[in-house]
Amino acid sequence: MNGIPLLPRSASTFAPGTDALYLTLAAVSGAIALLVFALIVIFSARYRRGSSAPRGDLPPLIQDEFEIGWTTATLFAFLMVFWWAGANQIYQLLPPSNAMEIHVVAKQWMWKIQHSNGAREINVLHAPVDEPIRLDMTSQDVIHSFAVPDFRIKQDILPGRYVESWFRATKTGTFRLYCTQFCGTAHSGMVGSVVILSKADFAAWLAAQRPEGDLVGQGRAFFVSLGCAGCHTSGGPVHAPDLAGLYGRKVPLSNGTFALVDDAYIRDRILDPQSNPPAGYDPVMPSFKGEVNDDEILALTAYIRSLKPTTGALR
């Protein structure tokens, strides 16, 4: 009988730092609780009724120095813990530029996974060990939360928005995936697993899949079928932005502000193009809300991201 472990398995690069912070806070909290308990017992015994202990007030100078010292020490301890926790959280929000991209769409009550080569999974996510994995996630209905306790990651997923998270697994094996945001009557059944394979085994698994074209190819097909190629190509009948090399740049908007062209920006332009269109272009692009789903938007985004400045907008 192994009993109940204090913490889940440590299976990602985030786990050691998160565990160290948690155990430090637990130790400090426990020490303070023991100190307060000991002082209560000592003062109850020393200053009980009938004892000869002096009960006069401390000199004002001693009181002031004690209060100033205690307040200052507490302030510096708080700032240290805040800096430590903040640095740990910021690190988890900044995926490496070379991270492998995997798309996640949450819906009641399942996890829909799609890899860059077009391979799809339901409630299972395969990934290689010792590789940074960036998760581009959105929800089709309500708020969900992608949580893998063994990796020490948890990210709320909001409908109508793209959010990012990432991890680098340090162990192979199967790890439980949970939705930790109450999302409806079958919330408890919205579970899955993350299967971490060696790099060779993952390459073999990925090659064994039979996707209908990779994600960029699917996006290119949608780009043509939806009529986007008629405007967003050189020489098109409509004056529209050239999408080649646009991803990752800041563009001016008609209201005088600037916006970063990322996954969220592309989604907004597809579903609500009349809201703050790019400066210098007529707001003539139609909305595709209700015509494309989240899977198709992911594919279109992957295609637009793949367009390089030296290529045409339609390859």
C-alpha atoms as a PDB file:
ATOM      1  CA  MET A   1       0.000   0.000   0.000  1.00  0.00           C
ATOM      2  CA  ASN A   2       1.650   3.201  -1.216  1.00  0.00           C
ATOM      3  CA  GLY A   3      -0.704   5.601   0.539  1.00  0.00           C
ATOM      4  CA  ILE A   4      -1.685   9.021  -0.796  1.00  0.00           C
ATOM      5  CA  PRO A   5       1.175  10.941  -2.459  1.00  0.00           C
ATOM      6  CA  LEU A   6       1.766  14.489  -1.281  1.00  0.00           C
ATOM      7  CA  LEU A   7       2.009  15.788  -4.861  1.00  0.00           C
ATOM      8  CA  PRO A   8       1.247  14.404  -8.331  1.00  0.00           C
ATOM      9  CA  ARG A   9       4.076  13.001 -10.412  1.00  0.00           C
ATOM     10  CA  SER A  10       6.663  15.482 -11.625  1.00  0.00           C
ATOM     11  CA  ALA A  11       6.658  15.072 -15.404  1.00  0.00           C
ATOM     12  CA  SER A  12       7.424  18.463 -16.958  1.00  0.00           C
ATOM     13  CA  THR A  13       9.939  21.282 -16.715  1.00  0.00           C
ATOM     14  CA  PHE A  14       7.331  23.357 -14.856  1.00  0.00           C
ATOM     15  CA  ALA A  15       6.894  20.840 -12.029  1.00  0.00           C
ATOM     16  CA  PRO A  16      10.127  21.408 -10.018  1.00  0.00           C
ATOM     17  CA  GLY A  17       9.665  25.180  -9.810  1.00  0.00           C
ATOM     18  CA  THR A  18       5.963  24.936  -9.001  1.00  0.00           C
ATOM     19  CA  ASP A  19       6.577  22.283  -6.344  1.00  0.00           C
ATOM     20  CA  ALA A  20       9.404  24.277  -4.765  1.00  0.00           C
ATOM     21  CA  LEU A  21       7.145  27.331  -4.493  1.00  0.00           C
ATOM     22  CA  TYR A  22       4.287  25.279  -3.050  1.00  0.00           C
ATOM     23  CA  LEU A  23       6.459  23.481  -0.488  1.00  0.00           C
ATOM     24  CA  THR A  24       8.142  26.738   0.557  1.00  0.00           C
ATOM     25  CA  LEU A  25       4.784  28.431   1.134  1.00  0.00           C
ATOM     26  CA  ALA A  26       3.512  25.363   3.000  1.00  0.00           C
ATOM     27  CA  ALA A  27       6.625  25.309   5.218  1.00  0.00           C
ATOM     28  CA  VAL A  28       6.444  29.043   5.979  1.00  0.00           C
ATOM     29  CA  SER A  29       2.705  28.835   6.690  1.00  0.00           C
ATOM     30  CA  GLY A  30       3.252  25.821   8.957  1.00  0.00           C
ATOM     31  CA  ALA A  31       6.071  27.557  10.821  1.00  0.00           C
ATOM     32  CA  ILE A  32       3.953  30.658  11.399  1.00  0.00           C
ATOM     33  CA  ALA A  33       1.031  28.533  12.578  1.00  0.00           C
ATOM     34  CA  LEU A  34       3.283  26.669  15.037  1.00  0.00           C
ATOM     35  CA  LEU A  35       4.797  29.940  16.282  1.00  0.00           C
ATOM     36  CA  VAL A  36       1.354  31.456  16.874  1.00  0.00           C
ATOM     37  CA  PHE A  37       0.179  28.283  18.644  1.00  0.00           C
ATOM     38  CA  ALA A  38       3.302  28.198  20.841  1.00  0.00           C
ATOM     39  CA  LEU A  39       2.903  31.875  21.775  1.00  0.00           C
ATOM     40  CA  ILE A  40      -0.746  31.310  22.681  1.00  0.00           C
ATOM     41  CA  VAL A  41       0.239  28.461  25.003  1.00  0.00           C
ATOM     42  CA  ILE A  42       3.164  30.392  26.555  1.00  0.00           C
ATOM     43  CA  PHE A  43       1.197  33.600  27.099  1.00  0.00           C
ATOM     44  CA  SER A  44      -1.800  31.666  28.446  1.00  0.00           C
ATOM     45  CA  ALA A  45       0.436  30.041  31.054  1.00  0.00           C
ATOM     46  CA  ARG A  46       2.605  33.041  31.901  1.00  0.00           C
ATOM     47  CA  TYR A  47      -0.125  35.640  32.118  1.00  0.00           C
ATOM     48  CA  ARG A  48      -2.840  33.481  33.631  1.00  0.00           C
ATOM     49  CA  ARG A  49      -4.918  34.967  36.415  1.00  0.00           C
ATOM     50  CA  GLY A  50      -3.026  35.058  39.702  1.00  0.00           C
ATOM     51  CA  SER A  51       0.489  34.945  38.203  1.00  0.00           C
ATOM     52  CA  SER A  52       3.096  37.483  39.294  1.00  0.00           C
ATOM     53  CA  ALA A  53       4.171  38.376  35.732  1.00  0.00           C
ATOM     54  CA  PRO A  54       4.347  42.138  35.062  1.00  0.00           C
ATOM     55  CA  ARG A  55       1.463  43.413  32.940  1.00  0.00           C
ATOM     56  CA  GLY A  56       2.556  46.945  32.272  1.00  0.00           C
ATOM     57  CA  ASP A  57       2.738  48.410  28.751  1.00  0.00           C
ATOM     58  CA  LEU A  58       6.010  48.299  26.820  1.00  0.00           C
ATOM     59  CA  PRO A  59       7.874  51.590  26.355  1.00  0.00           C
ATOM     60  CA  PRO A  60       6.610  53.393  23.215  1.00  0.00           C
ATOM     61  CA  LEU A  61      10.057  53.173  21.516  1.00  0.00           C
ATOM     62  CA  ILE A  62      10.149  49.393  21.852  1.00  0.00           C
ATOM     63  CA  GLN A  63       6.600  49.107  20.525  1.00  0.00           C
ATOM     64  CA  ASP A  64       7.381  51.273  17.483  1.00  0.00           C
ATOM     65  CA  GLU A  65      10.595  49.450  16.603  1.00  0.00           C
ATOM     66  CA  PHE A  66       8.876  46.085  16.924  1.00  0.00           C
ATOM     67  CA  GLU A  67       5.943  47.088  14.726  1.00  0.00           C
ATOM     68  CA  ILE A  68       8.154  48.723  12.082  1.00  0.00           C
ATOM     69  CA  GLY A  69      10.470  45.705  11.946  1.00  0.00           C
ATOM     70  CA  TRP A  70       7.636  43.191  11.739  1.00  0.00           C
ATOM     71  CA  THR A  71       5.826  45.174   9.023  1.00  0.00           C
ATOM     72  CA  THR A  72       9.010  45.649   6.969  1.00  0.00           C
ATOM     73  CA  ALA A  73       9.974  41.981   7.202  1.00  0.00           C
ATOM     74  CA  THR A  74       6.470  40.932   6.160  1.00  0.00           C
ATOM     75  CA  LEU A  75       6.510  43.346   3.218  1.00  0.00           C
ATOM     76  CA  PHE A  76       9.847  42.051   1.906  1.00  0.00           C
ATOM     77  CA  ALA A  77       8.709  38.437   2.346  1.00  0.00           C
ATOM     78  CA  PHE A  78       5.537  39.195   0.369  1.00  0.00           C
ATOM     79  CA  LEU A  79       7.497  40.898  -2.432  1.00  0.00           C
ATOM     80  CA  MET A  80       9.905  37.961  -2.648  1.00  0.00           C
ATOM     81  CA  VAL A  81       7.071  35.424  -2.891  1.00  0.00           C
ATOM     82  CA  PHE A  82       5.216  37.633  -5.409  1.00  0.00           C
ATOM     83  CA  TRP A  83       8.329  37.916  -7.591  1.00  0.00           C
ATOM     84  CA  TRP A  84       8.975  34.165  -7.387  1.00  0.00           C
ATOM     85  CA  ALA A  85       5.391  33.204  -8.254  1.00  0.00           C
ATOM     86  CA  GLY A  86       5.127  35.891 -10.956  1.00  0.00           C
ATOM     87  CA  ALA A  87       8.347  34.810 -12.664  1.00  0.00           C
ATOM     88  CA  ASN A  88       7.158  31.206 -12.617  1.00  0.00           C
ATOM     89  CA  GLN A  89       3.815  32.144 -14.191  1.00  0.00           C
ATOM     90  CA  ILE A  90       5.352  34.409 -16.840  1.00  0.00           C
ATOM     91  CA  TYR A  91       7.710  31.597 -17.850  1.00  0.00           C
ATOM     92  CA  GLN A  92       4.668  29.390 -18.464  1.00  0.00           C
ATOM     93  CA  LEU A  93       3.090  32.060 -20.690  1.00  0.00           C
ATOM     94  CA  LEU A  94       6.027  32.369 -23.096  1.00  0.00           C
ATOM     95  CA  PRO A  95       6.399  29.306 -25.329  1.00  0.00           C
ATOM     96  CA  PRO A  96       9.724  28.915 -27.147  1.00  0.00           C
ATOM     97  CA  SER A  97       9.751  30.007 -30.781  1.00  0.00           C
ATOM     98  CA  ASN A  98      10.630  26.467 -31.906  1.00  0.00           C
ATOM     99  CA  ALA A  99       7.757  24.824 -30.015  1.00  0.00           C
ATOM    100  CA  MET A 100       5.729  22.151 -31.788  1.00  0.00           C
ATOM    101  CA  GLU A 101       2.211  23.424 -32.455  1.00  0.00           C
ATOM    102  CA  ILE A 102      -0.867  21.408 -31.486  1.00  0.00           C
ATOM    103  CA  HIS A 103      -4.417  22.750 -31.732  1.00  0.00           C
ATOM    104  CA  VAL A 104      -7.037  22.013 -29.090  1.00  0.00           C
ATOM    105  CA  VAL A 105     -10.769  22.681 -29.428  1.00  0.00           C
ATOM    106  CA  ALA A 106     -12.825  22.122 -26.276  1.00  0.00           C
ATOM    107  CA  LYS A 107     -16.549  21.412 -26.443  1.00  0.00           C
ATOM    108  CA  GLN A 108     -19.152  19.774 -24.235  1.00  0.00           C
ATOM    109  CA  TRP A 109     -17.828  17.286 -23.363  1.00  0.00           C
ATOM    110  CA  MET A 110     -14.685  16.324 -25.242  1.00  0.00           C
ATOM    111  CA  TRP A 111     -11.241  17.465 -26.282  1.00  0.00           C
ATOM    112  CA  LYS A 112     -10.640  17.701 -30.053  1.00  0.00           C
ATOM    113  CA  ILE A 113      -6.930  17.603 -30.898  1.00  0.00           C
ATOM    114  CA  GLN A 114      -5.332  18.365 -34.255  1.00  0.00           C
ATOM    115  CA  HIS A 115      -1.641  18.179 -35.161  1.00  0.00           C
ATOM    116  CA  SER A 116       0.127  20.290 -37.765  1.00  0.00           C
ATOM    117  CA  ASN A 117       0.117  17.434 -40.269  1.00  0.00           C
ATOM    118  CA  GLY A 118      -3.677  17.218 -39.984  1.00  0.00           C
ATOM    119  CA  ALA A 119      -3.820  14.164 -37.700  1.00  0.00           C
ATOM    120  CA  ARG A 120      -6.841  14.337 -35.380  1.00  0.00           C
ATOM    121  CA  GLU A 121      -7.531  12.839 -31.958  1.00  0.00           C
ATOM    122  CA  ILE A 122     -10.416  12.859 -29.507  1.00  0.00           C
ATOM    123  CA  ASN A 123      -9.649  13.020 -25.768  1.00  0.00           C
ATOM    124  CA  VAL A 124      -6.046  11.878 -26.370  1.00  0.00           C
ATOM    125  CA  LEU A 125      -3.031  14.051 -27.099  1.00  0.00           C
ATOM    126  CA  HIS A 126       0.182  12.416 -28.313  1.00  0.00           C
ATOM    127  CA  ALA A 127       3.429  14.375 -27.968  1.00  0.00           C
ATOM    128  CA  PRO A 128       7.186  13.668 -27.860  1.00  0.00           C
ATOM    129  CA  VAL A 129       9.282  13.839 -24.710  1.00  0.00           C
ATOM    130  CA  ASP A 130      11.829  16.651 -24.212  1.00  0.00           C
ATOM    131  CA  GLU A 131      10.218  18.833 -26.875  1.00  0.00           C
ATOM    132  CA  PRO A 132       8.398  22.135 -26.209  1.00  0.00           C
ATOM    133  CA  ILE A 133       4.733  21.781 -27.147  1.00  0.00           C
ATOM    134  CA  ARG A 134       2.620  24.881 -27.755  1.00  0.00           C
ATOM    135  CA  LEU A 135      -1.124  24.452 -27.373  1.00  0.00           C
ATOM    136  CA  ASP A 136      -3.365  26.829 -29.355  1.00  0.00           C
ATOM    137  CA  MET A 137      -6.766  26.429 -27.740  1.00  0.00           C
ATOM    138  CA  THR A 138     -10.326  27.660 -28.102  1.00  0.00           C
ATOM    139  CA  SER A 139     -13.798  26.598 -26.992  1.00  0.00           C
ATOM    140  CA  GLN A 140     -16.881  25.974 -29.111  1.00  0.00           C
ATOM    141  CA  ASP A 141     -19.422  26.598 -26.368  1.00  0.00           C
ATOM    142  CA  VAL A 142     -18.631  27.476 -22.727  1.00  0.00           C
ATOM    143  CA  ILE A 143     -15.568  28.068 -20.560  1.00  0.00           C
ATOM    144  CA  HIS A 144     -13.426  24.972 -20.142  1.00  0.00           C
ATOM    145  CA  SER A 145     -10.044  24.508 -18.480  1.00  0.00           C
ATOM    146  CA  PHE A 146      -7.174  22.371 -19.788  1.00  0.00           C
ATOM    147  CA  ALA A 147      -5.358  20.873 -16.783  1.00  0.00           C
ATOM    148  CA  VAL A 148      -2.669  18.196 -16.537  1.00  0.00           C
ATOM    149  CA  PRO A 149      -1.671  17.954 -12.845  1.00  0.00           C
ATOM    150  CA  ASP A 150       1.485  15.930 -13.559  1.00  0.00           C
ATOM    151  CA  PHE A 151       2.712  18.776 -15.798  1.00  0.00           C
ATOM    152  CA  ARG A 152       1.551  21.515 -13.370  1.00  0.00           C
ATOM    153  CA  ILE A 153      -0.320  23.297 -16.163  1.00  0.00           C
ATOM    154  CA  LYS A 154      -3.861  24.668 -16.099  1.00  0.00           C
ATOM    155  CA  GLN A 155      -5.294  27.068 -18.669  1.00  0.00           C
ATOM    156  CA  ASP A 156      -8.857  28.353 -18.927  1.00  0.00           C
ATOM    157  CA  ILE A 157     -10.236  28.164 -22.475  1.00  0.00           C
ATOM    158  CA  LEU A 158     -12.764  30.808 -23.476  1.00  0.00           C
ATOM    159  CA  PRO A 159     -15.327  30.668 -26.297  1.00  0.00           C
ATOM    160  CA  GLY A 160     -14.624  33.099 -29.110  1.00  0.00           C
ATOM    161  CA  ARG A 161     -10.961  33.539 -28.143  1.00  0.00           C
ATOM    162  CA  TYR A 162      -7.634  31.834 -28.662  1.00  0.00           C
ATOM    163  CA  VAL A 163      -5.454  31.138 -25.648  1.00  0.00           C
ATOM    164  CA  GLU A 164      -2.002  29.586 -25.449  1.00  0.00           C
ATOM    165  CA  SER A 165      -0.242  27.264 -23.081  1.00  0.00           C
ATOM    166  CA  TRP A 166       2.841  25.092 -23.419  1.00  0.00           C
ATOM    167  CA  PHE A 167       4.812  22.373 -21.728  1.00  0.00           C
ATOM    168  CA  ARG A 168       7.928  20.280 -22.114  1.00  0.00           C
ATOM    169  CA  ALA A 169       7.436  16.745 -20.812  1.00  0.00           C
ATOM    170  CA  THR A 170      10.384  15.129 -19.073  1.00  0.00           C
ATOM    171  CA  LYS A 171       8.985  11.589 -18.787  1.00  0.00           C
ATOM    172  CA  THR A 172       7.268   9.178 -21.125  1.00  0.00           C
ATOM    173  CA  GLY A 173       3.955   7.651 -20.127  1.00  0.00           C
ATOM    174  CA  THR A 174       0.249   8.421 -19.997  1.00  0.00           C
ATOM    175  CA  PHE A 175      -0.938  11.388 -17.929  1.00  0.00           C
ATOM    176  CA  ARG A 176      -4.504  12.367 -17.066  1.00  0.00           C
ATOM    177  CA  LEU A 177      -6.123  15.387 -18.680  1.00  0.00           C
ATOM    178  CA  TYR A 178      -9.004  17.104 -16.874  1.00  0.00           C
ATOM    179  CA  CYS A 179     -11.425  19.952 -17.423  1.00  0.00           C
ATOM    180  CA  THR A 180     -11.270  21.840 -14.124  1.00  0.00           C
ATOM    181  CA  GLN A 181     -13.932  24.434 -14.971  1.00  0.00           C
ATOM    182  CA  PHE A 182     -17.541  23.359 -14.376  1.00  0.00           C
ATOM    183  CA  CYS A 183     -18.894  23.227 -17.916  1.00  0.00           C
ATOM    184  CA  GLY A 184     -22.253  21.457 -17.669  1.00  0.00           C
ATOM    185  CA  THR A 185     -24.017  18.330 -16.541  1.00  0.00           C
ATOM    186  CA  ALA A 186     -21.379  15.942 -17.921  1.00  0.00           C
ATOM    187  CA  HIS A 187     -18.422  18.002 -16.689  1.00  0.00           C
ATOM    188  CA  SER A 188     -17.036  15.101 -14.648  1.00  0.00           C
ATOM    189  CA  GLY A 189     -16.804  12.993 -17.794  1.00  0.00           C
ATOM    190  CA  MET A 190     -14.716  15.528 -19.730  1.00  0.00           C
ATOM    191  CA  VAL A 191     -11.422  13.781 -19.172  1.00  0.00           C
ATOM    192  CA  GLY A 192      -8.687  12.562 -21.446  1.00  0.00           C
ATOM    193  CA  SER A 193      -5.032  11.643 -21.496  1.00  0.00           C
ATOM    194  CA  VAL A 194      -1.714  13.000 -22.700  1.00  0.00           C
ATOM    195  CA  VAL A 195       0.501  10.263 -24.090  1.00  0.00           C
ATOM    196  CA  ILE A 196       4.190  11.193 -24.070  1.00  0.00           C
ATOM    197  CA  LEU A 197       6.346   9.056 -26.366  1.00  0.00           C
ATOM    198  CA  SER A 198      10.026   8.949 -27.146  1.00  0.00           C
ATOM    199  CA  LYS A 199      10.924  11.043 -30.176  1.00  0.00           C
ATOM    200  CA  ALA A 200      11.337   7.967 -32.371  1.00  0.00           C
ATOM    201  CA  ASP A 201       8.035   6.451 -31.208  1.00  0.00           C
ATOM    202  CA  PHE A 202       6.213   9.743 -31.732  1.00  0.00           C
ATOM    203  CA  ALA A 203       7.608  10.089 -35.256  1.00  0.00           C
ATOM    204  CA  ALA A 204       6.429   6.552 -36.004  1.00  0.00           C
ATOM    205  CA  TRP A 205       2.994   7.254 -34.513  1.00  0.00           C
ATOM    206  CA  LEU A 206       2.633  10.484 -36.498  1.00  0.00           C
ATOM    207  CA  ALA A 207       3.678   8.770 -39.730  1.00  0.00           C
ATOM    208  CA  ALA A 208       1.106   6.029 -39.128  1.00  0.00           C
ATOM    209  CA  GLN A 209      -1.765   8.515 -39.108  1.00  0.00           C
ATOM    210  CA  ARG A 210      -3.658   9.067 -42.320  1.00  0.00           C
ATOM    211  CA  PRO A 211      -4.830  12.661 -42.242  1.00  0.00           C
ATOM    212  CA  GLU A 212      -6.594  14.199 -45.224  1.00  0.00           C
ATOM    213  CA  GLY A 213      -3.797  16.638 -45.956  1.00  0.00           C
ATOM    214  CA  ASP A 214      -1.833  18.657 -43.426  1.00  0.00           C
ATOM    215  CA  LEU A 215      -3.306  21.650 -41.625  1.00  0.00           C
ATOM    216  CA  VAL A 216      -1.732  24.170 -44.006  1.00  0.00           C
ATOM    217  CA  GLY A 217      -3.094  22.265 -46.999  1.00  0.00           C
ATOM    218  CA  GLN A 218      -6.559  22.177 -45.480  1.00  0.00           C
ATOM    219  CA  GLY A 219      -6.354  25.911 -44.829  1.00  0.00           C
ATOM    220  CA  ARG A 220      -5.273  26.569 -48.414  1.00  0.00           C
ATOM    221  CA  ALA A 221      -8.311  24.655 -49.658  1.00  0.00           C
ATOM    222  CA  PHE A 222     -10.646  26.641 -47.388  1.00  0.00           C
ATOM    223  CA  PHE A 223      -8.933  29.866 -48.485  1.00  0.00           C
ATOM    224  CA  VAL A 224      -9.846  29.125 -52.087  1.00  0.00           C
ATOM    225  CA  SER A 225     -13.303  27.665 -51.510  1.00  0.00           C
ATOM    226  CA  LEU A 226     -14.426  30.610 -49.366  1.00  0.00           C
ATOM    227  CA  GLY A 227     -13.352  33.073 -52.045  1.00  0.00           C
ATOM    228  CA  CYS A 228     -10.551  34.651 -49.993  1.00  0.00           C
ATOM    229  CA  ALA A 229      -8.095  34.159 -52.852  1.00  0.00           C
ATOM    230  CA  GLY A 230     -10.169  36.465 -55.053  1.00  0.00           C
ATOM    231  CA  CYS A 231      -9.268  39.505 -52.941  1.00  0.00           C
ATOM    232  CA  HIS A 232      -6.114  38.720 -50.951  1.00  0.00           C
ATOM    233  CA  THR A 233      -3.886  38.147 -53.968  1.00  0.00           C
ATOM    234  CA  SER A 234      -1.962  40.593 -56.084  1.00  0.00           C
ATOM    235  CA  GLY A 235      -4.012  41.859 -58.981  1.00  0.00           C
ATOM    236  CA  GLY A 236      -7.301  40.952 -57.335  1.00  0.00           C
ATOM    237  CA  PRO A 237     -10.454  42.968 -58.101  1.00  0.00           C
ATOM    238  CA  VAL A 238     -10.628  44.323 -54.515  1.00  0.00           C
ATOM    239  CA  HIS A 239      -8.010  46.382 -52.732  1.00  0.00           C
ATOM    240  CA  ALA A 240      -7.309  44.059 -49.757  1.00  0.00           C
ATOM    241  CA  PRO A 241      -4.264  43.431 -47.548  1.00  0.00           C
ATOM    242  CA  ASP A 242      -1.563  41.128 -48.858  1.00  0.00           C
ATOM    243  CA  LEU A 243      -1.387  38.288 -46.328  1.00  0.00           C
ATOM    244  CA  ALA A 244       2.130  37.121 -47.219  1.00  0.00           C
ATOM    245  CA  GLY A 245       4.411  37.762 -44.256  1.00  0.00           C
ATOM    246  CA  LEU A 246       1.635  39.535 -42.335  1.00  0.00           C
ATOM    247  CA  TYR A 247       1.486  37.134 -39.372  1.00  0.00           C
ATOM    248  CA  GLY A 248       3.420  38.377 -36.355  1.00  0.00           C
ATOM    249  CA  ARG A 249       3.505  42.020 -37.503  1.00  0.00           C
ATOM    250  CA  LYS A 250       1.716  45.020 -36.041  1.00  0.00           C
ATOM    251  CA  VAL A 251      -0.718  46.695 -38.431  1.00  0.00           C
ATOM    252  CA  PRO A 252      -2.463  50.091 -38.154  1.00  0.00           C
ATOM    253  CA  LEU A 253      -6.237  50.075 -37.713  1.00  0.00           C
ATOM    254  CA  SER A 254      -8.826  52.556 -38.895  1.00  0.00           C
ATOM    255  CA  ASN A 255      -9.309  53.889 -35.357  1.00  0.00           C
ATOM    256  CA  GLY A 256      -5.673  54.980 -35.139  1.00  0.00           C
ATOM    257  CA  THR A 257      -4.422  52.114 -32.974  1.00  0.00           C
ATOM    258  CA  PHE A 258      -2.223  49.145 -33.857  1.00  0.00           C
ATOM    259  CA  ALA A 259      -2.941  45.424 -33.555  1.00  0.00           C
ATOM    260  CA  LEU A 260      -0.659  42.405 -33.588  1.00  0.00           C
ATOM    261  CA  VAL A 261      -1.570  39.919 -36.283  1.00  0.00           C
ATOM    262  CA  ASP A 262      -1.867  36.697 -34.309  1.00  0.00           C
ATOM    263  CA  ASP A 263      -4.361  33.857 -34.083  1.00  0.00           C
ATOM    264  CA  ALA A 264      -6.905  35.971 -32.198  1.00  0.00           C
ATOM    265  CA  TYR A 265      -6.650  38.847 -34.692  1.00  0.00           C
ATOM    266  CA  ILE A 266      -7.184  36.538 -37.669  1.00  0.00           C
ATOM    267  CA  ARG A 267     -10.197  34.967 -35.969  1.00  0.00           C
ATOM    268  CA  ASP A 268     -11.707  38.411 -35.339  1.00  0.00           C
ATOM    269  CA  ARG A 269     -11.165  39.465 -38.944  1.00  0.00           C
ATOM    270  CA  ILE A 270     -12.857  36.310 -40.231  1.00  0.00           C
ATOM    271  CA  LEU A 271     -15.890  36.538 -37.957  1.00  0.00           C
ATOM    272  CA  ASP A 272     -16.224  40.316 -37.462  1.00  0.00           C
ATOM    273  CA  PRO A 273     -14.309  42.135 -40.217  1.00  0.00           C
ATOM    274  CA  GLN A 274     -16.270  45.385 -39.847  1.00  0.00           C
ATOM    275  CA  SER A 275     -14.915  45.997 -36.337  1.00  0.00           C
ATOM    276  CA  ASN A 276     -11.782  48.188 -36.559  1.00  0.00           C
ATOM    277  CA  PRO A 277     -10.668  47.183 -40.078  1.00  0.00           C
ATOM    278  CA  PRO A 278      -7.069  47.812 -41.189  1.00  0.00           C
ATOM    279  CA  ALA A 279      -6.242  51.417 -42.039  1.00  0.00           C
ATOM    280  CA  GLY A 280      -6.266  52.273 -45.740  1.00  0.00           C
ATOM    281  CA  TYR A 281      -8.767  49.592 -46.778  1.00  0.00           C
ATOM    282  CA  ASP A 282     -12.489  49.827 -47.337  1.00  0.00           C
ATOM    283  CA  PRO A 283     -14.561  47.717 -44.897  1.00  0.00           C
ATOM    284  CA  VAL A 284     -16.005  45.518 -47.617  1.00  0.00           C
ATOM    285  CA  MET A 285     -14.985  42.080 -46.344  1.00  0.00           C
ATOM    286  CA  PRO A 286     -18.058  39.963 -45.496  1.00  0.00           C
ATOM    287  CA  SER A 287     -18.399  38.155 -42.190  1.00  0.00           C
ATOM    288  CA  PHE A 288     -17.997  34.377 -42.234  1.00  0.00           C
ATOM    289  CA  LYS A 289     -19.690  33.918 -38.873  1.00  0.00           C
ATOM    290  CA  GLY A 290     -21.853  30.813 -39.074  1.00  0.00           C
ATOM    291  CA  GLU A 291     -20.114  29.679 -42.281  1.00  0.00           C
ATOM    292  CA  VAL A 292     -16.847  28.416 -40.808  1.00  0.00           C
ATOM    293  CA  ASN A 293     -16.304  26.438 -37.622  1.00  0.00           C
ATOM    294  CA  ASP A 294     -13.381  26.493 -35.214  1.00  0.00           C
ATOM    295  CA  ASP A 295     -11.559  23.655 -36.989  1.00  0.00           C
ATOM    296  CA  GLU A 296     -11.693  25.558 -40.285  1.00  0.00           C
ATOM    297  CA  ILE A 297     -10.525  28.783 -38.628  1.00  0.00           C
ATOM    298  CA  LEU A 298      -7.539  26.889 -37.173  1.00  0.00           C
ATOM    299  CA  ALA A 299      -6.677  25.602 -40.643  1.00  0.00           C
ATOM    300  CA  LEU A 300      -7.044  29.059 -42.225  1.00  0.00           C
ATOM    301  CA  THR A 301      -4.816  30.534 -39.508  1.00  0.00           C
ATOM    302  CA  ALA A 302      -2.171  27.874 -40.079  1.00  0.00           C
ATOM    303  CA  TYR A 303      -2.197  28.648 -43.810  1.00  0.00           C
ATOM    304  CA  ILE A 304      -1.932  32.418 -43.315  1.00  0.00           C
ATOM    305  CA  ARG A 305       0.899  31.856 -40.828  1.00  0.00           C
ATOM    306  CA  SER A 306       2.749  29.791 -43.425  1.00  0.00           C
ATOM    307  CA  LEU A 307       2.749  32.554 -46.052  1.00  0.00           C
ATOM    308  CA  LYS A 308       6.188  34.103 -46.357  1.00  0.00           C
ATOM    309  CA  PRO A 309       7.025  37.582 -47.733  1.00  0.00           C
ATOM    310  CA  THR A 310       8.864  36.080 -50.706  1.00  0.00           C
ATOM    311  CA  THR A 311       5.833  34.056 -51.803  1.00  0.00           C
ATOM    312  CA  GLY A 312       2.513  35.107 -53.162  1.00  0.00           C
ATOM    313  CA  ALA A 313      -0.523  35.285 -50.957  1.00  0.00           C
ATOM    314  CA  LEU A 314      -1.759  32.087 -52.607  1.00  0.00           C
ATOM    315  CA  ARG A 315       0.817  29.354 -53.169  1.00  0.00           C
END
